[in-house]
Every structure is written in C-alpha cells, then in structure tokens.
Amino acid sequence: MLPTGNIGHFKELIKVADSSGITGSRNSIGMDGIYAVSTPRKILGTMLTAHIFYSPQKRALEEEALYARVSRLEIEPNTMKRMKKLPKKYSELFKIESGGNAVTSFTRDFDKIDTQLAQKGYFVLATNDERLTSAEVLRVYRNKDVIEKAFSSMKNQLDLKRMRTHSSVTTDGKLFCGFNVTTNRLARVSPRSSLKPICFNVKPSEPSVAHSYGMLSIHRLFYQVVFLFYQNNYSNRAF
C-alpha cells in the first residue's frame, strides 16, 4: 500500500484517476468490479509505478460508514454544551461557532463531507516492477496478506512462536506437525478447496519423520501449499 503519511500523493493520484475516467470499461480489471489505472510516480525519492484502484463496493461501505459517523457526532455535542471548544474530530465534518463559554452553532460542513466522500472507494498500491499489470499487482498483494495471516495462525494458534525444544530432531518434528495441521486445516475450511488433506503413516520406531525432509524443504513446502490454496480459493475476494 502507499506508505503512511503520503496523503498528498494519495489525493493527487485520485485526481489522476478521475481525470482518466477510471470507471470506464477499459479500466476494469475483471476482479470484484474493481477498476484501475497506473502512472509513474516518485515516492520517497524512488521512482515507482502507482496503481490506483477504485472499488464501487468499497465506496458504498465507506460512504455508509462516513454518514453513520456524521450522525453519531452530530448528537454528541448536545451533551457537551458547556465546552468552550470541541475536539478536532468535529471540525473535520462540521461548522462550529463558539460564543462566550459555549458552542453556539454546530452544523454539517457539506464541503468537507463531500471532500472526504470523493476519496472513498480508492486505494493505491505502488511497485518498482513496471512489468506488472494492475490485476497482477492486486493479486500479489492479496496473496501476500493471506500468507502472512497463515504464518501468524501457525505461530499463535498452534503455539509455534516459541519452539520450546532442546534438539534439532524435536524442533523438526514439531515444525512438521504444525505444517501438517495447518495444511489439513486449509484443506477443510473451504468447500471449494482443491487441496486434499495430507496424511502420514508414522511407525512408532521412527522418532522423527520430519528430520529426513530437512528444515528448508519444509519451509518451502509450507509456503507453496499456503500460497496455492489461497490463490485458488481467495485471490478474487473483495478487497
């Protein structure tokens, strides 16, 4: 995503998208009704390709959330009549006038509300690989996110953040068990999954099946299984 603190770049890129008619049929990327355009952009001193995306679904949700926030904030000042000055969150959406020791006027600032509405539905992804299309950039970003969540689940839900083992054999075995549980869970969470559960027949005389695979191979195998599963099942989900 566009680095935090670059709201100026974000606003300018939205203007670029608007001027290019981002919602035109030629800009549809064929994913969840999302439209996109791209443009070269120097960000933090580096020349990147900025892909500006617009999602009508995202716009509708954010617009609804904004109006709900306006309605909620509109009621609150009635309980704070004795305040000389209201917090900044009110001035971002309302016209406020104060007199003496109290707020005398509190009305919606439609220009500020419209300015915020104009930015809803957009998001920007920047990359240094100019060969990628907007659809490819979005797909890579989504897969990156879900893979990180899968690793987070493995570390936290399966308690693999700290191995608590005292030899390489038991470490490999615990990692292998965690890998097996995770891939089987992925195979069952979606009825559309093409990933079959993994089953191993382990003899009591074999203290460490994982040791023969090697740590690096297990890491690679786990990453590929997670990536392919989410690519097949969730790569087209709503952003």
C-alpha atoms as a PDB file:
ATOM      1  CA  MET A   1       0.000   0.000   0.000  1.00  0.00           C
ATOM      2  CA  LEU A   2       1.018   3.640  -0.331  1.00  0.00           C
ATOM      3  CA  PRO A   3       3.257   4.437   2.705  1.00  0.00           C
ATOM      4  CA  THR A   4       1.612   6.122   5.672  1.00  0.00           C
ATOM      5  CA  GLY A   5       1.971   9.892   5.697  1.00  0.00           C
ATOM      6  CA  ASN A   6       1.673  10.295   1.923  1.00  0.00           C
ATOM      7  CA  ILE A   7      -1.853  11.715   1.928  1.00  0.00           C
ATOM      8  CA  GLY A   8      -0.693  14.385  -0.526  1.00  0.00           C
ATOM      9  CA  HIS A   9       0.358  11.747  -3.044  1.00  0.00           C
ATOM     10  CA  PHE A  10      -2.911   9.912  -2.459  1.00  0.00           C
ATOM     11  CA  LYS A  11      -5.058  12.959  -3.220  1.00  0.00           C
ATOM     12  CA  GLU A  12      -3.072  13.780  -6.345  1.00  0.00           C
ATOM     13  CA  LEU A  13      -3.323  10.203  -7.592  1.00  0.00           C
ATOM     14  CA  ILE A  14      -7.091  10.267  -7.096  1.00  0.00           C
ATOM     15  CA  LYS A  15      -7.214  13.365  -9.308  1.00  0.00           C
ATOM     16  CA  VAL A  16      -5.199  11.482 -11.932  1.00  0.00           C
ATOM     17  CA  ALA A  17      -7.661   8.586 -11.745  1.00  0.00           C
ATOM     18  CA  ASP A  18     -10.670  10.897 -12.024  1.00  0.00           C
ATOM     19  CA  SER A  19      -9.228  12.758 -14.998  1.00  0.00           C
ATOM     20  CA  SER A  20      -8.541   9.476 -16.804  1.00  0.00           C
ATOM     21  CA  GLY A  21     -12.095   8.226 -16.266  1.00  0.00           C
ATOM     22  CA  ILE A  22     -11.169   5.318 -14.039  1.00  0.00           C
ATOM     23  CA  THR A  23     -14.670   3.798 -14.118  1.00  0.00           C
ATOM     24  CA  GLY A  24     -14.544   3.372 -17.891  1.00  0.00           C
ATOM     25  CA  SER A  25     -14.917  -0.165 -19.221  1.00  0.00           C
ATOM     26  CA  ARG A  26     -11.324  -0.251 -20.476  1.00  0.00           C
ATOM     27  CA  ASN A  27     -10.086   0.136 -16.893  1.00  0.00           C
ATOM     28  CA  SER A  28     -11.966  -2.832 -15.463  1.00  0.00           C
ATOM     29  CA  ILE A  29      -9.507  -5.473 -14.205  1.00  0.00           C
ATOM     30  CA  GLY A  30     -12.125  -8.236 -14.017  1.00  0.00           C
ATOM     31  CA  MET A  31     -11.882  -8.713 -10.244  1.00  0.00           C
ATOM     32  CA  ASP A  32     -14.864  -7.889  -7.987  1.00  0.00           C
ATOM     33  CA  GLY A  33     -15.928  -4.990 -10.207  1.00  0.00           C
ATOM     34  CA  ILE A  34     -12.691  -3.100  -9.451  1.00  0.00           C
ATOM     35  CA  TYR A  35     -11.245  -0.516 -11.841  1.00  0.00           C
ATOM     36  CA  ALA A  36      -7.617   0.562 -12.045  1.00  0.00           C
ATOM     37  CA  VAL A  37      -5.199   2.897 -13.785  1.00  0.00           C
ATOM     38  CA  SER A  38      -1.451   3.233 -13.331  1.00  0.00           C
ATOM     39  CA  THR A  39       1.025   6.067 -13.550  1.00  0.00           C
ATOM     40  CA  PRO A  40       4.752   6.591 -12.808  1.00  0.00           C
ATOM     41  CA  ARG A  41       5.283   8.391  -9.523  1.00  0.00           C
ATOM     42  CA  LYS A  42       8.276   9.434  -7.446  1.00  0.00           C
ATOM     43  CA  ILE A  43       7.527   8.439  -3.860  1.00  0.00           C
ATOM     44  CA  LEU A  44      10.015   8.878  -1.013  1.00  0.00           C
ATOM     45  CA  GLY A  45      12.730   9.609  -3.559  1.00  0.00           C
ATOM     46  CA  THR A  46      12.131   6.420  -5.561  1.00  0.00           C
ATOM     47  CA  MET A  47      10.505   6.182  -8.973  1.00  0.00           C
ATOM     48  CA  LEU A  48       7.639   3.694  -8.717  1.00  0.00           C
ATOM     49  CA  THR A  49       4.570   2.702 -10.669  1.00  0.00           C
ATOM     50  CA  ALA A  50       1.475   3.709  -8.719  1.00  0.00           C
ATOM     51  CA  HIS A  51      -1.608   1.593  -9.393  1.00  0.00           C
ATOM     52  CA  ILE A  52      -4.788   3.445  -8.405  1.00  0.00           C
ATOM     53  CA  PHE A  53      -7.747   1.173  -7.742  1.00  0.00           C
ATOM     54  CA  TYR A  54     -11.416   2.083  -7.382  1.00  0.00           C
ATOM     55  CA  SER A  55     -13.955  -0.326  -5.917  1.00  0.00           C
ATOM     56  CA  PRO A  56     -17.667   0.608  -6.038  1.00  0.00           C
ATOM     57  CA  GLN A  57     -18.279  -1.965  -3.293  1.00  0.00           C
ATOM     58  CA  LYS A  58     -15.624  -0.385  -1.088  1.00  0.00           C
ATOM     59  CA  ARG A  59     -17.039   3.054  -1.879  1.00  0.00           C
ATOM     60  CA  ALA A  60     -20.537   2.036  -0.767  1.00  0.00           C
ATOM     61  CA  LEU A  61     -19.306   0.604   2.519  1.00  0.00           C
ATOM     62  CA  GLU A  62     -17.083   3.594   3.316  1.00  0.00           C
ATOM     63  CA  GLU A  63     -19.825   6.077   2.376  1.00  0.00           C
ATOM     64  CA  GLU A  64     -22.257   4.335   4.704  1.00  0.00           C
ATOM     65  CA  ALA A  65     -19.658   4.362   7.490  1.00  0.00           C
ATOM     66  CA  LEU A  66     -18.961   8.076   6.987  1.00  0.00           C
ATOM     67  CA  TYR A  67     -22.635   9.074   7.189  1.00  0.00           C
ATOM     68  CA  ALA A  68     -23.046   6.894  10.286  1.00  0.00           C
ATOM     69  CA  ARG A  69     -20.096   8.732  11.873  1.00  0.00           C
ATOM     70  CA  VAL A  70     -21.555  12.120  10.955  1.00  0.00           C
ATOM     71  CA  SER A  71     -24.904  11.180  12.518  1.00  0.00           C
ATOM     72  CA  ARG A  72     -23.211   9.918  15.672  1.00  0.00           C
ATOM     73  CA  LEU A  73     -21.039  13.018  16.096  1.00  0.00           C
ATOM     74  CA  GLU A  74     -24.000  15.291  15.387  1.00  0.00           C
ATOM     75  CA  ILE A  75     -25.744  14.065  18.537  1.00  0.00           C
ATOM     76  CA  GLU A  76     -22.765  14.182  20.910  1.00  0.00           C
ATOM     77  CA  PRO A  77     -22.314  17.988  21.241  1.00  0.00           C
ATOM     78  CA  ASN A  78     -25.776  18.263  22.822  1.00  0.00           C
ATOM     79  CA  THR A  79     -24.257  16.587  25.871  1.00  0.00           C
ATOM     80  CA  MET A  80     -21.243  18.949  25.867  1.00  0.00           C
ATOM     81  CA  LYS A  81     -22.863  22.382  25.768  1.00  0.00           C
ATOM     82  CA  ARG A  82     -20.551  23.794  28.413  1.00  0.00           C
ATOM     83  CA  MET A  83     -17.370  23.107  26.445  1.00  0.00           C
ATOM     84  CA  LYS A  84     -15.610  26.171  25.058  1.00  0.00           C
ATOM     85  CA  LYS A  85     -14.053  24.229  22.197  1.00  0.00           C
ATOM     86  CA  LEU A  86     -14.956  20.901  20.635  1.00  0.00           C
ATOM     87  CA  PRO A  87     -12.297  18.303  19.693  1.00  0.00           C
ATOM     88  CA  LYS A  88     -10.770  18.297  16.207  1.00  0.00           C
ATOM     89  CA  LYS A  89     -12.866  15.332  15.061  1.00  0.00           C
ATOM     90  CA  TYR A  90     -15.899  17.628  14.969  1.00  0.00           C
ATOM     91  CA  SER A  91     -14.253  20.408  12.944  1.00  0.00           C
ATOM     92  CA  GLU A  92     -13.347  17.873  10.248  1.00  0.00           C
ATOM     93  CA  LEU A  93     -17.028  17.426   9.394  1.00  0.00           C
ATOM     94  CA  PHE A  94     -18.940  20.348  10.951  1.00  0.00           C
ATOM     95  CA  LYS A  95     -19.027  24.129  11.030  1.00  0.00           C
ATOM     96  CA  ILE A  96     -18.619  25.184  14.656  1.00  0.00           C
ATOM     97  CA  GLU A  97     -19.148  28.632  16.149  1.00  0.00           C
ATOM     98  CA  SER A  98     -18.455  29.474  19.766  1.00  0.00           C
ATOM     99  CA  GLY A  99     -19.502  32.409  21.881  1.00  0.00           C
ATOM    100  CA  GLY A 100     -18.635  33.073  25.490  1.00  0.00           C
ATOM    101  CA  ASN A 101     -18.194  29.787  27.258  1.00  0.00           C
ATOM    102  CA  ALA A 102     -20.275  27.585  24.991  1.00  0.00           C
ATOM    103  CA  VAL A 103     -20.752  26.367  21.433  1.00  0.00           C
ATOM    104  CA  THR A 104     -23.428  28.492  19.794  1.00  0.00           C
ATOM    105  CA  SER A 105     -23.673  26.885  16.366  1.00  0.00           C
ATOM    106  CA  PHE A 106     -22.996  23.355  15.162  1.00  0.00           C
ATOM    107  CA  THR A 107     -23.953  22.420  11.584  1.00  0.00           C
ATOM    108  CA  ARG A 108     -22.769  19.987   8.956  1.00  0.00           C
ATOM    109  CA  ASP A 109     -19.998  21.246   6.690  1.00  0.00           C
ATOM    110  CA  PHE A 110     -21.131  19.740   3.410  1.00  0.00           C
ATOM    111  CA  ASP A 111     -17.995  20.854   1.537  1.00  0.00           C
ATOM    112  CA  LYS A 112     -15.759  18.921   3.958  1.00  0.00           C
ATOM    113  CA  ILE A 113     -18.064  15.916   3.859  1.00  0.00           C
ATOM    114  CA  ASP A 114     -18.048  15.927   0.054  1.00  0.00           C
ATOM    115  CA  THR A 115     -14.232  16.179   0.060  1.00  0.00           C
ATOM    116  CA  GLN A 116     -13.994  13.046   2.183  1.00  0.00           C
ATOM    117  CA  LEU A 117     -16.599  11.244   0.083  1.00  0.00           C
ATOM    118  CA  ALA A 118     -14.566  11.959  -3.048  1.00  0.00           C
ATOM    119  CA  GLN A 119     -11.721   9.848  -1.626  1.00  0.00           C
ATOM    120  CA  LYS A 120     -13.834   6.848  -0.696  1.00  0.00           C
ATOM    121  CA  GLY A 121     -13.514   3.642  -2.659  1.00  0.00           C
ATOM    122  CA  TYR A 122      -9.911   4.280  -3.685  1.00  0.00           C
ATOM    123  CA  PHE A 123      -6.714   2.569  -2.655  1.00  0.00           C
ATOM    124  CA  VAL A 124      -3.214   2.723  -4.107  1.00  0.00           C
ATOM    125  CA  LEU A 125      -0.518   0.077  -4.488  1.00  0.00           C
ATOM    126  CA  ALA A 126       2.975   1.151  -5.557  1.00  0.00           C
ATOM    127  CA  THR A 127       5.572  -1.178  -7.073  1.00  0.00           C
ATOM    128  CA  ASN A 128       9.045  -0.940  -8.562  1.00  0.00           C
ATOM    129  CA  ASP A 129       8.199  -3.647 -11.121  1.00  0.00           C
ATOM    130  CA  GLU A 130       6.808  -1.767 -14.100  1.00  0.00           C
ATOM    131  CA  ARG A 131       6.071  -5.017 -15.957  1.00  0.00           C
ATOM    132  CA  LEU A 132       3.172  -5.979 -13.684  1.00  0.00           C
ATOM    133  CA  THR A 133      -0.388  -5.133 -14.646  1.00  0.00           C
ATOM    134  CA  SER A 134      -2.795  -3.672 -12.100  1.00  0.00           C
ATOM    135  CA  ALA A 135      -4.580  -7.021 -11.779  1.00  0.00           C
ATOM    136  CA  GLU A 136      -1.278  -8.804 -11.110  1.00  0.00           C
ATOM    137  CA  VAL A 137      -0.248  -6.229  -8.511  1.00  0.00           C
ATOM    138  CA  LEU A 138      -3.536  -6.622  -6.655  1.00  0.00           C
ATOM    139  CA  ARG A 139      -3.335 -10.418  -6.796  1.00  0.00           C
ATOM    140  CA  VAL A 140       0.220 -10.414  -5.421  1.00  0.00           C
ATOM    141  CA  TYR A 141      -0.772  -8.038  -2.634  1.00  0.00           C
ATOM    142  CA  ARG A 142      -3.775 -10.137  -1.617  1.00  0.00           C
ATOM    143  CA  ASN A 143      -1.777 -13.362  -1.608  1.00  0.00           C
ATOM    144  CA  LYS A 144       0.952 -11.725   0.443  1.00  0.00           C
ATOM    145  CA  ASP A 145      -1.590 -10.705   3.060  1.00  0.00           C
ATOM    146  CA  VAL A 146      -3.220 -14.098   3.450  1.00  0.00           C
ATOM    147  CA  ILE A 147       0.127 -15.905   3.561  1.00  0.00           C
ATOM    148  CA  GLU A 148       1.225 -13.665   6.421  1.00  0.00           C
ATOM    149  CA  LYS A 149      -2.019 -14.458   8.234  1.00  0.00           C
ATOM    150  CA  ALA A 150      -1.433 -18.173   7.750  1.00  0.00           C
ATOM    151  CA  PHE A 151       2.028 -17.902   9.284  1.00  0.00           C
ATOM    152  CA  SER A 152       0.569 -15.802  12.113  1.00  0.00           C
ATOM    153  CA  SER A 153      -2.005 -18.512  12.772  1.00  0.00           C
ATOM    154  CA  MET A 154       0.733 -21.126  12.844  1.00  0.00           C
ATOM    155  CA  LYS A 155       2.775 -19.130  15.356  1.00  0.00           C
ATOM    156  CA  ASN A 156      -0.066 -18.113  17.635  1.00  0.00           C
ATOM    157  CA  GLN A 157      -2.904 -20.637  17.435  1.00  0.00           C
ATOM    158  CA  LEU A 158      -0.539 -23.599  17.172  1.00  0.00           C
ATOM    159  CA  ASP A 159       1.909 -22.130  19.695  1.00  0.00           C
ATOM    160  CA  LEU A 160       4.879 -22.288  17.324  1.00  0.00           C
ATOM    161  CA  LYS A 161       6.075 -18.777  18.092  1.00  0.00           C
ATOM    162  CA  ARG A 162       8.468 -20.339  20.594  1.00  0.00           C
ATOM    163  CA  MET A 163       9.542 -23.867  19.775  1.00  0.00           C
ATOM    164  CA  ARG A 164      10.414 -24.925  23.377  1.00  0.00           C
ATOM    165  CA  THR A 165      12.541 -27.779  22.075  1.00  0.00           C
ATOM    166  CA  HIS A 166      16.065 -28.840  23.007  1.00  0.00           C
ATOM    167  CA  SER A 167      17.346 -30.602  19.897  1.00  0.00           C
ATOM    168  CA  SER A 168      17.156 -30.269  16.152  1.00  0.00           C
ATOM    169  CA  VAL A 169      15.255 -33.548  15.924  1.00  0.00           C
ATOM    170  CA  THR A 170      12.391 -32.416  18.176  1.00  0.00           C
ATOM    171  CA  THR A 171      12.396 -28.975  16.527  1.00  0.00           C
ATOM    172  CA  ASP A 172      11.983 -30.548  13.089  1.00  0.00           C
ATOM    173  CA  GLY A 173       9.262 -32.837  14.424  1.00  0.00           C
ATOM    174  CA  LYS A 174       7.277 -30.002  15.999  1.00  0.00           C
ATOM    175  CA  LEU A 175       7.559 -27.888  12.875  1.00  0.00           C
ATOM    176  CA  PHE A 176       6.462 -30.816  10.748  1.00  0.00           C
ATOM    177  CA  CYS A 177       3.407 -31.438  12.952  1.00  0.00           C
ATOM    178  CA  GLY A 178       2.492 -27.753  12.756  1.00  0.00           C
ATOM    179  CA  PHE A 179       2.826 -27.852   8.981  1.00  0.00           C
ATOM    180  CA  ASN A 180       0.618 -30.936   8.773  1.00  0.00           C
ATOM    181  CA  VAL A 181      -2.095 -29.435  10.991  1.00  0.00           C
ATOM    182  CA  THR A 182      -2.066 -26.152   9.067  1.00  0.00           C
ATOM    183  CA  THR A 183      -2.349 -27.726   5.612  1.00  0.00           C
ATOM    184  CA  ASN A 184      -5.142 -30.052   6.758  1.00  0.00           C
ATOM    185  CA  ARG A 185      -6.989 -27.085   8.254  1.00  0.00           C
ATOM    186  CA  LEU A 186      -6.633 -25.176   4.988  1.00  0.00           C
ATOM    187  CA  ALA A 187      -7.994 -28.166   3.098  1.00  0.00           C
ATOM    188  CA  ARG A 188     -11.160 -28.191   5.220  1.00  0.00           C
ATOM    189  CA  VAL A 189     -12.017 -24.506   5.672  1.00  0.00           C
ATOM    190  CA  SER A 190     -13.459 -24.137   2.183  1.00  0.00           C
ATOM    191  CA  PRO A 191     -15.839 -26.487   0.365  1.00  0.00           C
ATOM    192  CA  ARG A 192     -14.301 -25.263  -2.910  1.00  0.00           C
ATOM    193  CA  SER A 193     -10.812 -26.274  -1.886  1.00  0.00           C
ATOM    194  CA  SER A 194      -8.849 -28.370  -4.361  1.00  0.00           C
ATOM    195  CA  LEU A 195      -6.232 -29.036  -1.701  1.00  0.00           C
ATOM    196  CA  LYS A 196      -6.546 -32.536  -0.258  1.00  0.00           C
ATOM    197  CA  PRO A 197      -5.733 -33.279   3.395  1.00  0.00           C
ATOM    198  CA  ILE A 198      -2.260 -34.662   3.930  1.00  0.00           C
ATOM    199  CA  CYS A 199      -1.960 -37.990   5.741  1.00  0.00           C
ATOM    200  CA  PHE A 200       1.206 -39.637   7.007  1.00  0.00           C
ATOM    201  CA  ASN A 201       1.722 -43.139   8.290  1.00  0.00           C
ATOM    202  CA  VAL A 202       4.313 -42.957  11.043  1.00  0.00           C
ATOM    203  CA  LYS A 203       5.702 -46.074  12.679  1.00  0.00           C
ATOM    204  CA  PRO A 204       6.453 -45.974  16.414  1.00  0.00           C
ATOM    205  CA  SER A 205      10.054 -46.894  15.638  1.00  0.00           C
ATOM    206  CA  GLU A 206      10.515 -43.689  13.634  1.00  0.00           C
ATOM    207  CA  PRO A 207      11.174 -40.905  16.169  1.00  0.00           C
ATOM    208  CA  SER A 208      11.390 -38.118  13.602  1.00  0.00           C
ATOM    209  CA  VAL A 209       9.797 -38.296  10.190  1.00  0.00           C
ATOM    210  CA  ALA A 210      10.357 -34.558   9.672  1.00  0.00           C
ATOM    211  CA  HIS A 211      14.105 -34.800  10.161  1.00  0.00           C
ATOM    212  CA  SER A 212      14.583 -36.615   6.864  1.00  0.00           C
ATOM    213  CA  TYR A 213      12.830 -33.804   4.956  1.00  0.00           C
ATOM    214  CA  GLY A 214      15.104 -31.040   6.173  1.00  0.00           C
ATOM    215  CA  MET A 215      14.092 -27.641   7.591  1.00  0.00           C
ATOM    216  CA  LEU A 216      14.478 -25.715   4.339  1.00  0.00           C
ATOM    217  CA  SER A 217      12.321 -28.142   2.374  1.00  0.00           C
ATOM    218  CA  ILE A 218       9.554 -27.952   4.987  1.00  0.00           C
ATOM    219  CA  HIS A 219       9.563 -24.162   4.874  1.00  0.00           C
ATOM    220  CA  ARG A 220       9.358 -24.160   1.093  1.00  0.00           C
ATOM    221  CA  LEU A 221       6.644 -26.789   1.023  1.00  0.00           C
ATOM    222  CA  PHE A 222       4.539 -24.970   3.621  1.00  0.00           C
ATOM    223  CA  TYR A 223       4.853 -21.651   1.790  1.00  0.00           C
ATOM    224  CA  GLN A 224       3.871 -23.180  -1.549  1.00  0.00           C
ATOM    225  CA  VAL A 225       0.867 -25.034  -0.109  1.00  0.00           C
ATOM    226  CA  VAL A 226      -0.465 -21.905   1.626  1.00  0.00           C
ATOM    227  CA  PHE A 227       0.132 -19.741  -1.439  1.00  0.00           C
ATOM    228  CA  LEU A 228      -1.566 -22.134  -3.867  1.00  0.00           C
ATOM    229  CA  PHE A 229      -4.521 -22.728  -1.539  1.00  0.00           C
ATOM    230  CA  TYR A 230      -5.327 -19.058  -1.138  1.00  0.00           C
ATOM    231  CA  GLN A 231      -4.636 -18.337  -4.788  1.00  0.00           C
ATOM    232  CA  ASN A 232      -7.206 -20.971  -5.792  1.00  0.00           C
ATOM    233  CA  ASN A 233      -9.813 -20.037  -3.193  1.00  0.00           C
ATOM    234  CA  TYR A 234      -9.443 -16.416  -2.110  1.00  0.00           C
ATOM    235  CA  SER A 235      -7.453 -14.478  -4.689  1.00  0.00           C
ATOM    236  CA  ASN A 236     -10.687 -12.916  -6.019  1.00  0.00           C
ATOM    237  CA  ARG A 237     -12.241 -11.962  -2.701  1.00  0.00           C
ATOM    238  CA  ALA A 238     -13.423  -8.396  -2.020  1.00  0.00           C
ATOM    239  CA  PHE A 239     -10.552  -6.134  -1.021  1.00  0.00           C
END
